[in-house]
Amino acid sequence: MMDSLTKQIGRRIKALRKQKGFTQAKLARATLKTVETISKIENGHVSPSIGTLEEIARKLECPISAFFDDCELPTEERELTKAAQKIQYALKTFPDGDLEVLAELVDALEKRR
């Protein structure tokens, strides 16, 4: 049980870190931890202290409870496939005209299902 909780906490920290645009190095600097420590936490190799979790939560601007929630990660917190990352990038950077074309492609794909 403890091992799976440690891994869950690590996965959630990693997902939230990426969602906020932090690298491991940036989060390490912000929390005064080493990159190695952040990596070990994210990979479930160490159980972070409550103080460390509080500091990470503060820097990621999320409640500490986000690390313990039993429900599935929302889409934006899951690791995205390369294709999904490309689409996410397009949504953030493409002009409206290109987004209209993208929306038409999505409509065409939905009709094929």
PDB file of N, CA and C in Angstrom:
ATOM      1  N   MET A   1       0.826  -1.200   0.000  1.00  0.00           N
ATOM      2  CA  MET A   1       0.000   0.000   0.000  1.00  0.00           C
ATOM      3  C   MET A   1       0.864   1.255   0.000  1.00  0.00           C
ATOM      4  N   MET A   2       1.840   1.298   0.892  1.00  0.00           N
ATOM      5  CA  MET A   2       2.695   2.484   0.984  1.00  0.00           C
ATOM      6  C   MET A   2       3.454   2.699  -0.314  1.00  0.00           C
ATOM      7  N   ASP A   3       3.941   1.593  -0.907  1.00  0.00           N
ATOM      8  CA  ASP A   3       4.690   1.717  -2.147  1.00  0.00           C
ATOM      9  C   ASP A   3       3.816   2.318  -3.247  1.00  0.00           C
ATOM     10  N   SER A   4       2.572   1.853  -3.354  1.00  0.00           N
ATOM     11  CA  SER A   4       1.709   2.388  -4.406  1.00  0.00           C
ATOM     12  C   SER A   4       1.341   3.849  -4.128  1.00  0.00           C
ATOM     13  N   LEU A   5       1.188   4.208  -2.871  1.00  0.00           N
ATOM     14  CA  LEU A   5       0.901   5.608  -2.530  1.00  0.00           C
ATOM     15  C   LEU A   5       2.093   6.494  -2.890  1.00  0.00           C
ATOM     16  N   THR A   6       3.297   6.031  -2.588  1.00  0.00           N
ATOM     17  CA  THR A   6       4.505   6.793  -2.926  1.00  0.00           C
ATOM     18  C   THR A   6       4.597   6.989  -4.432  1.00  0.00           C
ATOM     19  N   LYS A   7       4.293   5.953  -5.195  1.00  0.00           N
ATOM     20  CA  LYS A   7       4.332   6.065  -6.656  1.00  0.00           C
ATOM     21  C   LYS A   7       3.233   6.998  -7.166  1.00  0.00           C
ATOM     22  N   GLN A   8       2.044   6.910  -6.571  1.00  0.00           N
ATOM     23  CA  GLN A   8       0.940   7.788  -6.967  1.00  0.00           C
ATOM     24  C   GLN A   8       1.303   9.247  -6.717  1.00  0.00           C
ATOM     25  N   ILE A   9       1.854   9.521  -5.552  1.00  0.00           N
ATOM     26  CA  ILE A   9       2.262  10.891  -5.223  1.00  0.00           C
ATOM     27  C   ILE A   9       3.284  11.380  -6.245  1.00  0.00           C
ATOM     28  N   GLY A  10       4.252  10.543  -6.551  1.00  0.00           N
ATOM     29  CA  GLY A  10       5.275  10.912  -7.526  1.00  0.00           C
ATOM     30  C   GLY A  10       4.701  11.196  -8.898  1.00  0.00           C
ATOM     31  N   ARG A  11       3.776  10.328  -9.349  1.00  0.00           N
ATOM     32  CA  ARG A  11       3.152  10.537 -10.669  1.00  0.00           C
ATOM     33  C   ARG A  11       2.384  11.853 -10.701  1.00  0.00           C
ATOM     34  N   ARG A  12       1.688  12.157  -9.620  1.00  0.00           N
ATOM     35  CA  ARG A  12       0.890  13.381  -9.577  1.00  0.00           C
ATOM     36  C   ARG A  12       1.782  14.616  -9.534  1.00  0.00           C
ATOM     37  N   ILE A  13       2.853  14.547  -8.779  1.00  0.00           N
ATOM     38  CA  ILE A  13       3.787  15.682  -8.743  1.00  0.00           C
ATOM     39  C   ILE A  13       4.366  15.916 -10.131  1.00  0.00           C
ATOM     40  N   LYS A  14       4.773  14.841 -10.791  1.00  0.00           N
ATOM     41  CA  LYS A  14       5.341  14.962 -12.136  1.00  0.00           C
ATOM     42  C   LYS A  14       4.323  15.580 -13.104  1.00  0.00           C
ATOM     43  N   ALA A  15       3.084  15.091 -13.067  1.00  0.00           N
ATOM     44  CA  ALA A  15       2.050  15.605 -13.973  1.00  0.00           C
ATOM     45  C   ALA A  15       1.765  17.077 -13.699  1.00  0.00           C
ATOM     46  N   LEU A  16       1.644  17.427 -12.432  1.00  0.00           N
ATOM     47  CA  LEU A  16       1.374  18.824 -12.085  1.00  0.00           C
ATOM     48  C   LEU A  16       2.556  19.725 -12.427  1.00  0.00           C
ATOM     49  N   ARG A  17       3.769  19.219 -12.216  1.00  0.00           N
ATOM     50  CA  ARG A  17       4.974  19.994 -12.559  1.00  0.00           C
ATOM     51  C   ARG A  17       4.982  20.308 -14.054  1.00  0.00           C
ATOM     52  N   LYS A  18       4.711  19.289 -14.864  1.00  0.00           N
ATOM     53  CA  LYS A  18       4.709  19.490 -16.316  1.00  0.00           C
ATOM     54  C   LYS A  18       3.584  20.425 -16.740  1.00  0.00           C
ATOM     55  N   GLN A  19       2.415  20.264 -16.115  1.00  0.00           N
ATOM     56  CA  GLN A  19       1.283  21.125 -16.433  1.00  0.00           C
ATOM     57  C   GLN A  19       1.623  22.584 -16.167  1.00  0.00           C
ATOM     58  N   LYS A  20       2.381  22.844 -15.120  1.00  0.00           N
ATOM     59  CA  LYS A  20       2.761  24.217 -14.766  1.00  0.00           C
ATOM     60  C   LYS A  20       3.971  24.709 -15.560  1.00  0.00           C
ATOM     61  N   GLY A  21       4.542  23.844 -16.400  1.00  0.00           N
ATOM     62  CA  GLY A  21       5.676  24.249 -17.222  1.00  0.00           C
ATOM     63  C   GLY A  21       7.008  24.250 -16.491  1.00  0.00           C
ATOM     64  N   PHE A  22       7.065  23.524 -15.379  1.00  0.00           N
ATOM     65  CA  PHE A  22       8.310  23.429 -14.616  1.00  0.00           C
ATOM     66  C   PHE A  22       9.137  22.251 -15.107  1.00  0.00           C
ATOM     67  N   THR A  23      10.434  22.428 -15.175  1.00  0.00           N
ATOM     68  CA  THR A  23      11.340  21.302 -15.347  1.00  0.00           C
ATOM     69  C   THR A  23      11.660  20.777 -13.947  1.00  0.00           C
ATOM     70  N   GLN A  24      12.288  19.616 -13.878  1.00  0.00           N
ATOM     71  CA  GLN A  24      12.715  19.124 -12.572  1.00  0.00           C
ATOM     72  C   GLN A  24      13.700  20.102 -11.949  1.00  0.00           C
ATOM     73  N   ALA A  25      14.573  20.676 -12.763  1.00  0.00           N
ATOM     74  CA  ALA A  25      15.572  21.620 -12.248  1.00  0.00           C
ATOM     75  C   ALA A  25      14.903  22.873 -11.676  1.00  0.00           C
ATOM     76  N   LYS A  26      13.891  23.381 -12.360  1.00  0.00           N
ATOM     77  CA  LYS A  26      13.190  24.575 -11.879  1.00  0.00           C
ATOM     78  C   LYS A  26      12.467  24.291 -10.562  1.00  0.00           C
ATOM     79  N   LEU A  27      11.810  23.130 -10.474  1.00  0.00           N
ATOM     80  CA  LEU A  27      11.126  22.775  -9.236  1.00  0.00           C
ATOM     81  C   LEU A  27      12.133  22.548  -8.112  1.00  0.00           C
ATOM     82  N   ALA A  28      13.254  21.945  -8.442  1.00  0.00           N
ATOM     83  CA  ALA A  28      14.300  21.727  -7.437  1.00  0.00           C
ATOM     84  C   ALA A  28      14.799  23.063  -6.886  1.00  0.00           C
ATOM     85  N   ARG A  29      15.078  24.012  -7.767  1.00  0.00           N
ATOM     86  CA  ARG A  29      15.535  25.332  -7.310  1.00  0.00           C
ATOM     87  C   ARG A  29      14.480  26.015  -6.443  1.00  0.00           C
ATOM     88  N   ALA A  30      13.224  25.926  -6.874  1.00  0.00           N
ATOM     89  CA  ALA A  30      12.137  26.608  -6.169  1.00  0.00           C
ATOM     90  C   ALA A  30      11.906  26.025  -4.774  1.00  0.00           C
ATOM     91  N   THR A  31      12.187  24.741  -4.615  1.00  0.00           N
ATOM     92  CA  THR A  31      11.939  24.075  -3.330  1.00  0.00           C
ATOM     93  C   THR A  31      13.216  23.824  -2.536  1.00  0.00           C
ATOM     94  N   LEU A  32      14.329  24.304  -3.070  1.00  0.00           N
ATOM     95  CA  LEU A  32      15.633  24.104  -2.426  1.00  0.00           C
ATOM     96  C   LEU A  32      15.977  22.629  -2.245  1.00  0.00           C
ATOM     97  N   LYS A  33      15.591  21.829  -3.229  1.00  0.00           N
ATOM     98  CA  LYS A  33      15.922  20.400  -3.277  1.00  0.00           C
ATOM     99  C   LYS A  33      16.855  20.181  -4.452  1.00  0.00           C
ATOM    100  N   THR A  34      17.444  18.994  -4.530  1.00  0.00           N
ATOM    101  CA  THR A  34      18.270  18.669  -5.685  1.00  0.00           C
ATOM    102  C   THR A  34      17.395  18.080  -6.786  1.00  0.00           C
ATOM    103  N   VAL A  35      17.878  18.138  -8.009  1.00  0.00           N
ATOM    104  CA  VAL A  35      17.170  17.510  -9.129  1.00  0.00           C
ATOM    105  C   VAL A  35      17.043  16.018  -8.855  1.00  0.00           C
ATOM    106  N   GLU A  36      18.078  15.427  -8.295  1.00  0.00           N
ATOM    107  CA  GLU A  36      18.044  14.000  -7.966  1.00  0.00           C
ATOM    108  C   GLU A  36      16.906  13.686  -6.990  1.00  0.00           C
ATOM    109  N   THR A  37      16.707  14.544  -5.996  1.00  0.00           N
ATOM    110  CA  THR A  37      15.629  14.338  -5.034  1.00  0.00           C
ATOM    111  C   THR A  37      14.267  14.426  -5.715  1.00  0.00           C
ATOM    112  N   ILE A  38      14.074  15.434  -6.560  1.00  0.00           N
ATOM    113  CA  ILE A  38      12.801  15.582  -7.280  1.00  0.00           C
ATOM    114  C   ILE A  38      12.567  14.358  -8.159  1.00  0.00           C
ATOM    115  N   SER A  39      13.594  13.894  -8.841  1.00  0.00           N
ATOM    116  CA  SER A  39      13.476  12.713  -9.689  1.00  0.00           C
ATOM    117  C   SER A  39      13.086  11.484  -8.869  1.00  0.00           C
ATOM    118  N   LYS A  40      13.718  11.300  -7.727  1.00  0.00           N
ATOM    119  CA  LYS A  40      13.403  10.151  -6.875  1.00  0.00           C
ATOM    120  C   LYS A  40      11.975  10.219  -6.354  1.00  0.00           C
ATOM    121  N   ILE A  41      11.506  11.415  -6.023  1.00  0.00           N
ATOM    122  CA  ILE A  41      10.123  11.588  -5.570  1.00  0.00           C
ATOM    123  C   ILE A  41       9.169  11.236  -6.704  1.00  0.00           C
ATOM    124  N   GLU A  42       9.420  11.794  -7.886  1.00  0.00           N
ATOM    125  CA  GLU A  42       8.525  11.572  -9.028  1.00  0.00           C
ATOM    126  C   GLU A  42       8.488  10.114  -9.458  1.00  0.00           C
ATOM    127  N   ASN A  43       9.588   9.408  -9.295  1.00  0.00           N
ATOM    128  CA  ASN A  43       9.645   8.005  -9.698  1.00  0.00           C
ATOM    129  C   ASN A  43       9.232   7.047  -8.587  1.00  0.00           C
ATOM    130  N   GLY A  44       8.830   7.597  -7.446  1.00  0.00           N
ATOM    131  CA  GLY A  44       8.355   6.769  -6.347  1.00  0.00           C
ATOM    132  C   GLY A  44       9.445   6.035  -5.608  1.00  0.00           C
ATOM    133  N   HIS A  45      10.687   6.503  -5.709  1.00  0.00           N
ATOM    134  CA  HIS A  45      11.808   5.845  -5.038  1.00  0.00           C
ATOM    135  C   HIS A  45      11.997   6.321  -3.608  1.00  0.00           C
ATOM    136  N   VAL A  46      11.440   7.492  -3.283  1.00  0.00           N
ATOM    137  CA  VAL A  46      11.489   8.004  -1.905  1.00  0.00           C
ATOM    138  C   VAL A  46      10.125   8.602  -1.554  1.00  0.00           C
ATOM    139  N   SER A  47       9.794   8.541  -0.284  1.00  0.00           N
ATOM    140  CA  SER A  47       8.568   9.167   0.215  1.00  0.00           C
ATOM    141  C   SER A  47       8.916  10.553   0.744  1.00  0.00           C
ATOM    142  N   PRO A  48       8.386  11.591   0.135  1.00  0.00           N
ATOM    143  CA  PRO A  48       8.701  12.945   0.601  1.00  0.00           C
ATOM    144  C   PRO A  48       8.034  13.221   1.952  1.00  0.00           C
ATOM    145  N   SER A  49       8.661  14.065   2.731  1.00  0.00           N
ATOM    146  CA  SER A  49       8.081  14.472   4.013  1.00  0.00           C
ATOM    147  C   SER A  49       6.880  15.380   3.758  1.00  0.00           C
ATOM    148  N   ILE A  50       6.070  15.545   4.780  1.00  0.00           N
ATOM    149  CA  ILE A  50       4.927  16.459   4.675  1.00  0.00           C
ATOM    150  C   ILE A  50       5.421  17.871   4.357  1.00  0.00           C
ATOM    151  N   GLY A  51       6.516  18.282   4.969  1.00  0.00           N
ATOM    152  CA  GLY A  51       7.078  19.605   4.692  1.00  0.00           C
ATOM    153  C   GLY A  51       7.466  19.763   3.236  1.00  0.00           C
ATOM    154  N   THR A  52       8.080  18.734   2.668  1.00  0.00           N
ATOM    155  CA  THR A  52       8.460  18.774   1.255  1.00  0.00           C
ATOM    156  C   THR A  52       7.224  18.831   0.372  1.00  0.00           C
ATOM    157  N   LEU A  53       6.211  18.033   0.707  1.00  0.00           N
ATOM    158  CA  LEU A  53       4.972  18.058  -0.071  1.00  0.00           C
ATOM    159  C   LEU A  53       4.310  19.434  -0.010  1.00  0.00           C
ATOM    160  N   GLU A  54       4.322  20.033   1.173  1.00  0.00           N
ATOM    161  CA  GLU A  54       3.750  21.374   1.316  1.00  0.00           C
ATOM    162  C   GLU A  54       4.491  22.378   0.448  1.00  0.00           C
ATOM    163  N   GLU A  55       5.801  22.292   0.441  1.00  0.00           N
ATOM    164  CA  GLU A  55       6.610  23.224  -0.350  1.00  0.00           C
ATOM    165  C   GLU A  55       6.374  23.012  -1.851  1.00  0.00           C
ATOM    166  N   ILE A  56       6.335  21.751  -2.288  1.00  0.00           N
ATOM    167  CA  ILE A  56       6.080  21.459  -3.705  1.00  0.00           C
ATOM    168  C   ILE A  56       4.695  21.965  -4.091  1.00  0.00           C
ATOM    169  N   ALA A  57       3.704  21.708  -3.240  1.00  0.00           N
ATOM    170  CA  ALA A  57       2.339  22.165  -3.522  1.00  0.00           C
ATOM    171  C   ALA A  57       2.288  23.682  -3.629  1.00  0.00           C
ATOM    172  N   ARG A  58       2.971  24.360  -2.751  1.00  0.00           N
ATOM    173  CA  ARG A  58       3.001  25.822  -2.769  1.00  0.00           C
ATOM    174  C   ARG A  58       3.610  26.325  -4.082  1.00  0.00           C
ATOM    175  N   LYS A  59       4.715  25.733  -4.486  1.00  0.00           N
ATOM    176  CA  LYS A  59       5.379  26.182  -5.713  1.00  0.00           C
ATOM    177  C   LYS A  59       4.580  25.833  -6.968  1.00  0.00           C
ATOM    178  N   LEU A  60       3.838  24.702  -6.928  1.00  0.00           N
ATOM    179  CA  LEU A  60       3.016  24.310  -8.074  1.00  0.00           C
ATOM    180  C   LEU A  60       1.615  24.916  -8.012  1.00  0.00           C
ATOM    181  N   GLU A  61       1.374  25.698  -6.960  1.00  0.00           N
ATOM    182  CA  GLU A  61       0.093  26.390  -6.774  1.00  0.00           C
ATOM    183  C   GLU A  61      -1.086  25.420  -6.830  1.00  0.00           C
ATOM    184  N   CYS A  62      -0.992  24.365  -6.041  1.00  0.00           N
ATOM    185  CA  CYS A  62      -2.074  23.395  -5.957  1.00  0.00           C
ATOM    186  C   CYS A  62      -2.231  22.969  -4.501  1.00  0.00           C
ATOM    187  N   PRO A  63      -3.387  22.449  -4.137  1.00  0.00           N
ATOM    188  CA  PRO A  63      -3.540  21.968  -2.768  1.00  0.00           C
ATOM    189  C   PRO A  63      -2.737  20.675  -2.576  1.00  0.00           C
ATOM    190  N   ILE A  64      -2.243  20.463  -1.392  1.00  0.00           N
ATOM    191  CA  ILE A  64      -1.480  19.245  -1.114  1.00  0.00           C
ATOM    192  C   ILE A  64      -2.340  18.003  -1.352  1.00  0.00           C
ATOM    193  N   SER A  65      -3.653  18.154  -1.207  1.00  0.00           N
ATOM    194  CA  SER A  65      -4.553  17.016  -1.433  1.00  0.00           C
ATOM    195  C   SER A  65      -4.485  16.500  -2.871  1.00  0.00           C
ATOM    196  N   ALA A  66      -4.044  17.332  -3.806  1.00  0.00           N
ATOM    197  CA  ALA A  66      -3.923  16.905  -5.200  1.00  0.00           C
ATOM    198  C   ALA A  66      -2.956  15.735  -5.348  1.00  0.00           C
ATOM    199  N   PHE A  67      -2.048  15.572  -4.406  1.00  0.00           N
ATOM    200  CA  PHE A  67      -1.076  14.486  -4.469  1.00  0.00           C
ATOM    201  C   PHE A  67      -1.658  13.159  -3.967  1.00  0.00           C
ATOM    202  N   PHE A  68      -2.801  13.202  -3.285  1.00  0.00           N
ATOM    203  CA  PHE A  68      -3.370  12.015  -2.655  1.00  0.00           C
ATOM    204  C   PHE A  68      -4.699  11.574  -3.244  1.00  0.00           C
ATOM    205  N   ASP A  69      -5.265  12.346  -4.117  1.00  0.00           N
ATOM    206  CA  ASP A  69      -6.590  12.062  -4.656  1.00  0.00           C
ATOM    207  C   ASP A  69      -6.605  10.703  -5.338  1.00  0.00           C
ATOM    208  N   ASP A  70      -7.597   9.889  -5.032  1.00  0.00           N
ATOM    209  CA  ASP A  70      -7.694   8.543  -5.601  1.00  0.00           C
ATOM    210  C   ASP A  70      -8.294   8.504  -7.000  1.00  0.00           C
ATOM    211  N   CYS A  71      -8.947   9.565  -7.420  1.00  0.00           N
ATOM    212  CA  CYS A  71      -9.565   9.533  -8.733  1.00  0.00           C
ATOM    213  C   CYS A  71      -8.498   9.659  -9.825  1.00  0.00           C
ATOM    214  N   GLU A  72      -8.891   9.294 -11.019  1.00  0.00           N
ATOM    215  CA  GLU A  72      -7.967   9.364 -12.155  1.00  0.00           C
ATOM    216  C   GLU A  72      -7.570  10.806 -12.419  1.00  0.00           C
ATOM    217  N   LEU A  73      -6.357  10.977 -12.893  1.00  0.00           N
ATOM    218  CA  LEU A  73      -5.883  12.322 -13.215  1.00  0.00           C
ATOM    219  C   LEU A  73      -6.726  12.924 -14.329  1.00  0.00           C
ATOM    220  N   PRO A  74      -7.087  14.201 -14.193  1.00  0.00           N
ATOM    221  CA  PRO A  74      -7.752  14.865 -15.315  1.00  0.00           C
ATOM    222  C   PRO A  74      -6.825  14.855 -16.525  1.00  0.00           C
ATOM    223  N   THR A  75      -7.409  14.975 -17.705  1.00  0.00           N
ATOM    224  CA  THR A  75      -6.624  14.897 -18.941  1.00  0.00           C
ATOM    225  C   THR A  75      -5.430  15.833 -18.922  1.00  0.00           C
ATOM    226  N   GLU A  76      -5.625  17.058 -18.440  1.00  0.00           N
ATOM    227  CA  GLU A  76      -4.517  18.013 -18.484  1.00  0.00           C
ATOM    228  C   GLU A  76      -3.388  17.638 -17.531  1.00  0.00           C
ATOM    229  N   GLU A  77      -3.636  16.719 -16.574  1.00  0.00           N
ATOM    230  CA  GLU A  77      -2.599  16.319 -15.642  1.00  0.00           C
ATOM    231  C   GLU A  77      -1.908  15.025 -16.061  1.00  0.00           C
ATOM    232  N   ARG A  78      -2.499  14.286 -16.992  1.00  0.00           N
ATOM    233  CA  ARG A  78      -1.888  13.055 -17.461  1.00  0.00           C
ATOM    234  C   ARG A  78      -0.749  13.379 -18.416  1.00  0.00           C
ATOM    235  N   GLU A  79       0.165  12.443 -18.508  1.00  0.00           N
ATOM    236  CA  GLU A  79       1.202  12.612 -19.516  1.00  0.00           C
ATOM    237  C   GLU A  79       0.556  12.431 -20.878  1.00  0.00           C
ATOM    238  N   LEU A  80       0.817  13.338 -21.768  1.00  0.00           N
ATOM    239  CA  LEU A  80       0.209  13.296 -23.080  1.00  0.00           C
ATOM    240  C   LEU A  80       1.116  12.568 -24.065  1.00  0.00           C
ATOM    241  N   THR A  81       0.495  11.907 -25.045  1.00  0.00           N
ATOM    242  CA  THR A  81       1.266  11.306 -26.125  1.00  0.00           C
ATOM    243  C   THR A  81       1.869  12.431 -26.956  1.00  0.00           C
ATOM    244  N   LYS A  82       2.805  12.092 -27.801  1.00  0.00           N
ATOM    245  CA  LYS A  82       3.418  13.113 -28.656  1.00  0.00           C
ATOM    246  C   LYS A  82       2.368  13.775 -29.551  1.00  0.00           C
ATOM    247  N   ALA A  83       1.436  12.980 -30.073  1.00  0.00           N
ATOM    248  CA  ALA A  83       0.382  13.542 -30.923  1.00  0.00           C
ATOM    249  C   ALA A  83      -0.481  14.518 -30.129  1.00  0.00           C
ATOM    250  N   ALA A  84      -0.843  14.153 -28.916  1.00  0.00           N
ATOM    251  CA  ALA A  84      -1.664  15.036 -28.080  1.00  0.00           C
ATOM    252  C   ALA A  84      -0.892  16.299 -27.718  1.00  0.00           C
ATOM    253  N   GLN A  85       0.415  16.172 -27.509  1.00  0.00           N
ATOM    254  CA  GLN A  85       1.234  17.348 -27.211  1.00  0.00           C
ATOM    255  C   GLN A  85       1.248  18.299 -28.403  1.00  0.00           C
ATOM    256  N   LYS A  86       1.317  17.745 -29.614  1.00  0.00           N
ATOM    257  CA  LYS A  86       1.292  18.586 -30.818  1.00  0.00           C
ATOM    258  C   LYS A  86      -0.027  19.333 -30.927  1.00  0.00           C
ATOM    259  N   ILE A  87      -1.120  18.626 -30.637  1.00  0.00           N
ATOM    260  CA  ILE A  87      -2.433  19.256 -30.705  1.00  0.00           C
ATOM    261  C   ILE A  87      -2.554  20.336 -29.635  1.00  0.00           C
ATOM    262  N   GLN A  88      -2.080  20.044 -28.435  1.00  0.00           N
ATOM    263  CA  GLN A  88      -2.115  21.030 -27.357  1.00  0.00           C
ATOM    264  C   GLN A  88      -1.305  22.271 -27.740  1.00  0.00           C
ATOM    265  N   TYR A  89      -0.135  22.062 -28.337  1.00  0.00           N
ATOM    266  CA  TYR A  89       0.701  23.180 -28.785  1.00  0.00           C
ATOM    267  C   TYR A  89      -0.036  23.993 -29.850  1.00  0.00           C
ATOM    268  N   ALA A  90      -0.692  23.285 -30.776  1.00  0.00           N
ATOM    269  CA  ALA A  90      -1.434  23.968 -31.837  1.00  0.00           C
ATOM    270  C   ALA A  90      -2.541  24.838 -31.251  1.00  0.00           C
ATOM    271  N   LEU A  91      -3.238  24.313 -30.257  1.00  0.00           N
ATOM    272  CA  LEU A  91      -4.322  25.072 -29.636  1.00  0.00           C
ATOM    273  C   LEU A  91      -3.828  26.359 -28.995  1.00  0.00           C
ATOM    274  N   LYS A  92      -2.607  26.320 -28.507  1.00  0.00           N
ATOM    275  CA  LYS A  92      -2.051  27.492 -27.833  1.00  0.00           C
ATOM    276  C   LYS A  92      -1.445  28.502 -28.811  1.00  0.00           C
ATOM    277  N   THR A  93      -1.008  28.026 -29.985  1.00  0.00           N
ATOM    278  CA  THR A  93      -0.206  28.900 -30.841  1.00  0.00           C
ATOM    279  C   THR A  93      -0.788  29.201 -32.219  1.00  0.00           C
ATOM    280  N   PHE A  94      -1.674  28.364 -32.726  1.00  0.00           N
ATOM    281  CA  PHE A  94      -2.185  28.564 -34.075  1.00  0.00           C
ATOM    282  C   PHE A  94      -3.142  29.758 -34.122  1.00  0.00           C
ATOM    283  N   PRO A  95      -3.152  30.467 -35.255  1.00  0.00           N
ATOM    284  CA  PRO A  95      -4.140  31.545 -35.430  1.00  0.00           C
ATOM    285  C   PRO A  95      -5.539  30.941 -35.588  1.00  0.00           C
ATOM    286  N   ASP A  96      -6.552  31.766 -35.390  1.00  0.00           N
ATOM    287  CA  ASP A  96      -7.937  31.292 -35.424  1.00  0.00           C
ATOM    288  C   ASP A  96      -8.288  30.563 -36.717  1.00  0.00           C
ATOM    289  N   GLY A  97      -7.821  31.047 -37.835  1.00  0.00           N
ATOM    290  CA  GLY A  97      -8.125  30.393 -39.114  1.00  0.00           C
ATOM    291  C   GLY A  97      -7.620  28.964 -39.159  1.00  0.00           C
ATOM    292  N   ASP A  98      -6.422  28.742 -38.650  1.00  0.00           N
ATOM    293  CA  ASP A  98      -5.871  27.390 -38.618  1.00  0.00           C
ATOM    294  C   ASP A  98      -6.626  26.517 -37.619  1.00  0.00           C
ATOM    295  N   LEU A  99      -7.093  27.111 -36.538  1.00  0.00           N
ATOM    296  CA  LEU A  99      -7.875  26.345 -35.560  1.00  0.00           C
ATOM    297  C   LEU A  99      -9.211  25.906 -36.153  1.00  0.00           C
ATOM    298  N   GLU A 100      -9.768  26.727 -37.036  1.00  0.00           N
ATOM    299  CA  GLU A 100     -11.006  26.335 -37.725  1.00  0.00           C
ATOM    300  C   GLU A 100     -10.762  25.097 -38.576  1.00  0.00           C
ATOM    301  N   VAL A 101      -9.631  25.051 -39.273  1.00  0.00           N
ATOM    302  CA  VAL A 101      -9.279  23.895 -40.093  1.00  0.00           C
ATOM    303  C   VAL A 101      -9.088  22.674 -39.199  1.00  0.00           C
ATOM    304  N   LEU A 102      -8.424  22.860 -38.080  1.00  0.00           N
ATOM    305  CA  LEU A 102      -8.212  21.768 -37.132  1.00  0.00           C
ATOM    306  C   LEU A 102      -9.551  21.247 -36.616  1.00  0.00           C
ATOM    307  N   ALA A 103     -10.465  22.143 -36.320  1.00  0.00           N
ATOM    308  CA  ALA A 103     -11.795  21.742 -35.850  1.00  0.00           C
ATOM    309  C   ALA A 103     -12.532  20.933 -36.921  1.00  0.00           C
ATOM    310  N   GLU A 104     -12.382  21.316 -38.169  1.00  0.00           N
ATOM    311  CA  GLU A 104     -13.007  20.572 -39.266  1.00  0.00           C
ATOM    312  C   GLU A 104     -12.417  19.169 -39.371  1.00  0.00           C
ATOM    313  N   LEU A 105     -11.123  19.058 -39.160  1.00  0.00           N
ATOM    314  CA  LEU A 105     -10.493  17.734 -39.175  1.00  0.00           C
ATOM    315  C   LEU A 105     -11.026  16.860 -38.037  1.00  0.00           C
ATOM    316  N   VAL A 106     -11.200  17.447 -36.880  1.00  0.00           N
ATOM    317  CA  VAL A 106     -11.755  16.713 -35.740  1.00  0.00           C
ATOM    318  C   VAL A 106     -13.172  16.253 -36.067  1.00  0.00           C
ATOM    319  N   ASP A 107     -13.973  17.138 -36.658  1.00  0.00           N
ATOM    320  CA  ASP A 107     -15.335  16.765 -37.053  1.00  0.00           C
ATOM    321  C   ASP A 107     -15.314  15.600 -38.025  1.00  0.00           C
ATOM    322  N   ALA A 108     -14.417  15.640 -39.002  1.00  0.00           N
ATOM    323  CA  ALA A 108     -14.330  14.562 -39.990  1.00  0.00           C
ATOM    324  C   ALA A 108     -13.925  13.252 -39.320  1.00  0.00           C
ATOM    325  N   LEU A 109     -13.011  13.311 -38.371  1.00  0.00           N
ATOM    326  CA  LEU A 109     -12.589  12.102 -37.661  1.00  0.00           C
ATOM    327  C   LEU A 109     -13.722  11.534 -36.803  1.00  0.00           C
ATOM    328  N   GLU A 110     -14.480  12.418 -36.193  1.00  0.00           N
ATOM    329  CA  GLU A 110     -15.622  11.956 -35.370  1.00  0.00           C
ATOM    330  C   GLU A 110     -16.651  11.240 -36.217  1.00  0.00           C
ATOM    331  N   LYS A 111     -16.855  11.699 -37.432  1.00  0.00           N
ATOM    332  CA  LYS A 111     -17.837  11.060 -38.330  1.00  0.00           C
ATOM    333  C   LYS A 111     -17.378   9.677 -38.760  1.00  0.00           C
ATOM    334  N   ARG A 112     -16.077   9.445 -38.786  1.00  0.00           N
ATOM    335  CA  ARG A 112     -15.538   8.136 -39.194  1.00  0.00           C
ATOM    336  C   ARG A 112     -15.727   7.081 -38.112  1.00  0.00           C
ATOM    337  N   ARG A 113     -15.980   7.493 -36.891  1.00  0.00           N
ATOM    338  CA  ARG A 113     -16.098   6.533 -35.769  1.00  0.00           C
ATOM    339  C   ARG A 113     -17.363   5.757 -35.811  1.00  0.00           C
TER     340      ARG A 113
END
